[in-house]
Amino acid sequence: MDPESVIAEVAETIQAGHIRSHPDINFDAAPSTAADKKEPYTVHSPRAHGDDISHDGDDDDIPYSVLRPARKSHNLPPLPDLRFEQSYLRSIAHADTWWKVLLITTRDQVI
């Protein structure tokens, strides 16, 4: 037998072994979704202005909160300026002893 047919036969055997002959609807059904409760949409023909006396124009208004939503205030602190820290870390990268780090730190702070 060639290896591809053996692999296919093993895959078929595993797949067939996992098929339940008596499935339980409580465990094997997918949960309900919004698509399960679909309602058909009906299109109404446009009415001429003044056809309906009881028609109130307020129903067609868009709320102000939708047109101009309130701005979200972000109370975040300003970003720190890390240029000094980056240059300091770059300058001490080649220091191999603690006294060289101390010397570089003193030089950077004094000068």
Protein backbone atom coordinates (compact mmCIF):
# COMPACT_ATOMS: atom_id res chain seq x y z
CA MET A 1 0.00 0.00 0.00
CA ASP A 2 1.20 3.42 -0.74
CA PRO A 3 1.62 5.87 2.22
CA GLU A 4 -1.01 8.31 0.98
CA SER A 5 -3.76 5.68 0.93
CA VAL A 6 -2.76 4.50 4.42
CA ILE A 7 -2.99 8.07 5.73
CA ALA A 8 -6.37 8.56 4.05
CA GLU A 9 -7.67 5.29 5.49
CA VAL A 10 -6.52 6.21 9.01
CA ALA A 11 -8.18 9.62 8.69
CA GLU A 12 -11.45 8.01 7.52
CA THR A 13 -11.37 5.55 10.42
CA ILE A 14 -10.83 8.31 12.99
CA GLN A 15 -13.54 10.44 11.44
CA ALA A 16 -16.04 7.56 11.30
CA GLY A 17 -15.29 6.66 14.91
CA HIS A 18 -16.33 10.11 16.11
CA ILE A 19 -19.75 10.09 14.42
CA ARG A 20 -22.52 9.64 16.98
CA SER A 21 -25.24 7.26 15.91
CA HIS A 22 -27.77 8.69 18.42
CA PRO A 23 -27.08 12.43 18.88
CA ASP A 24 -28.69 14.31 21.78
CA ILE A 25 -30.33 17.59 20.77
CA ASN A 26 -29.49 19.14 24.16
CA PHE A 27 -25.76 18.67 23.70
CA ASP A 28 -25.16 18.55 19.96
CA ALA A 29 -27.20 21.52 18.72
CA ALA A 30 -25.60 24.89 18.12
CA PRO A 31 -26.78 27.74 20.38
CA SER A 32 -29.42 30.05 19.00
CA THR A 33 -28.30 33.22 17.27
CA ALA A 34 -29.93 36.45 16.14
CA ALA A 35 -30.47 34.89 12.71
CA ASP A 36 -32.82 32.33 14.26
CA LYS A 37 -35.27 35.08 15.23
CA LYS A 38 -35.39 36.93 11.92
CA GLU A 39 -38.49 38.91 11.12
CA PRO A 40 -39.31 39.89 7.55
CA TYR A 41 -38.93 43.55 6.70
CA THR A 42 -41.83 45.20 4.94
CA VAL A 43 -41.25 48.16 2.69
CA HIS A 44 -43.90 50.85 2.94
CA SER A 45 -44.65 52.96 -0.07
CA PRO A 46 -43.71 56.62 0.36
CA ARG A 47 -46.65 58.79 1.33
CA ALA A 48 -47.36 62.15 -0.13
CA HIS A 49 -47.05 65.01 2.35
CA GLY A 50 -50.40 65.54 4.06
CA ASP A 51 -51.82 62.04 3.41
CA ASP A 52 -51.90 61.20 7.09
CA ILE A 53 -53.31 63.92 9.33
CA SER A 54 -52.17 62.19 12.52
CA HIS A 55 -48.62 61.90 11.23
CA ASP A 56 -46.30 63.66 13.64
CA GLY A 57 -43.08 65.16 12.28
CA ASP A 58 -41.24 64.60 15.58
CA ASP A 59 -40.85 60.90 14.81
CA ASP A 60 -38.50 61.71 11.94
CA ASP A 61 -36.14 63.88 13.99
CA ILE A 62 -32.66 62.61 14.67
CA PRO A 63 -31.62 63.09 18.30
CA TYR A 64 -29.00 65.74 18.92
CA SER A 65 -26.87 63.22 20.82
CA VAL A 66 -26.52 61.24 17.58
CA LEU A 67 -25.72 64.23 15.40
CA ARG A 68 -23.19 65.76 17.78
CA PRO A 69 -22.10 63.20 20.36
CA ALA A 70 -20.41 64.46 23.49
CA ARG A 71 -16.64 64.28 23.32
CA LYS A 72 -15.06 61.68 25.50
CA SER A 73 -12.66 63.28 27.89
CA HIS A 74 -9.43 61.41 28.28
CA ASN A 75 -7.67 62.33 31.49
CA LEU A 76 -4.37 60.74 30.60
CA PRO A 77 -1.11 62.24 31.79
CA PRO A 78 1.23 63.63 29.14
CA LEU A 79 3.78 61.24 27.71
CA PRO A 80 7.17 61.54 29.39
CA ASP A 81 10.15 62.77 27.43
CA LEU A 82 12.43 59.75 27.33
CA ARG A 83 15.20 61.21 25.19
CA PHE A 84 17.54 61.66 28.19
CA GLU A 85 16.94 58.12 29.42
CA GLN A 86 17.61 56.68 25.98
CA SER A 87 20.85 58.62 25.53
CA TYR A 88 21.93 57.73 29.10
CA LEU A 89 21.31 54.03 28.52
CA ARG A 90 23.20 54.22 25.22
CA SER A 91 26.17 55.91 26.93
CA ILE A 92 26.42 53.32 29.73
CA ALA A 93 25.93 50.35 27.40
CA HIS A 94 29.70 49.85 27.06
CA ALA A 95 30.50 50.41 30.74
CA ASP A 96 31.64 47.08 32.16
CA THR A 97 32.17 48.06 35.80
CA TRP A 98 30.12 50.00 38.36
CA TRP A 99 32.66 52.83 38.64
CA LYS A 100 32.46 53.47 34.87
CA VAL A 101 28.66 53.74 35.20
CA LEU A 102 29.16 56.16 38.13
CA LEU A 103 31.66 58.23 36.12
CA ILE A 104 29.35 58.42 33.07
CA THR A 105 26.36 59.29 35.29
CA THR A 106 28.30 62.05 37.05
CA ARG A 107 29.56 63.40 33.74
CA ASP A 108 26.04 63.44 32.24
CA GLN A 109 24.52 65.13 35.31
CA VAL A 110 27.24 67.75 35.86
CA ILE A 111 27.99 68.74 32.28
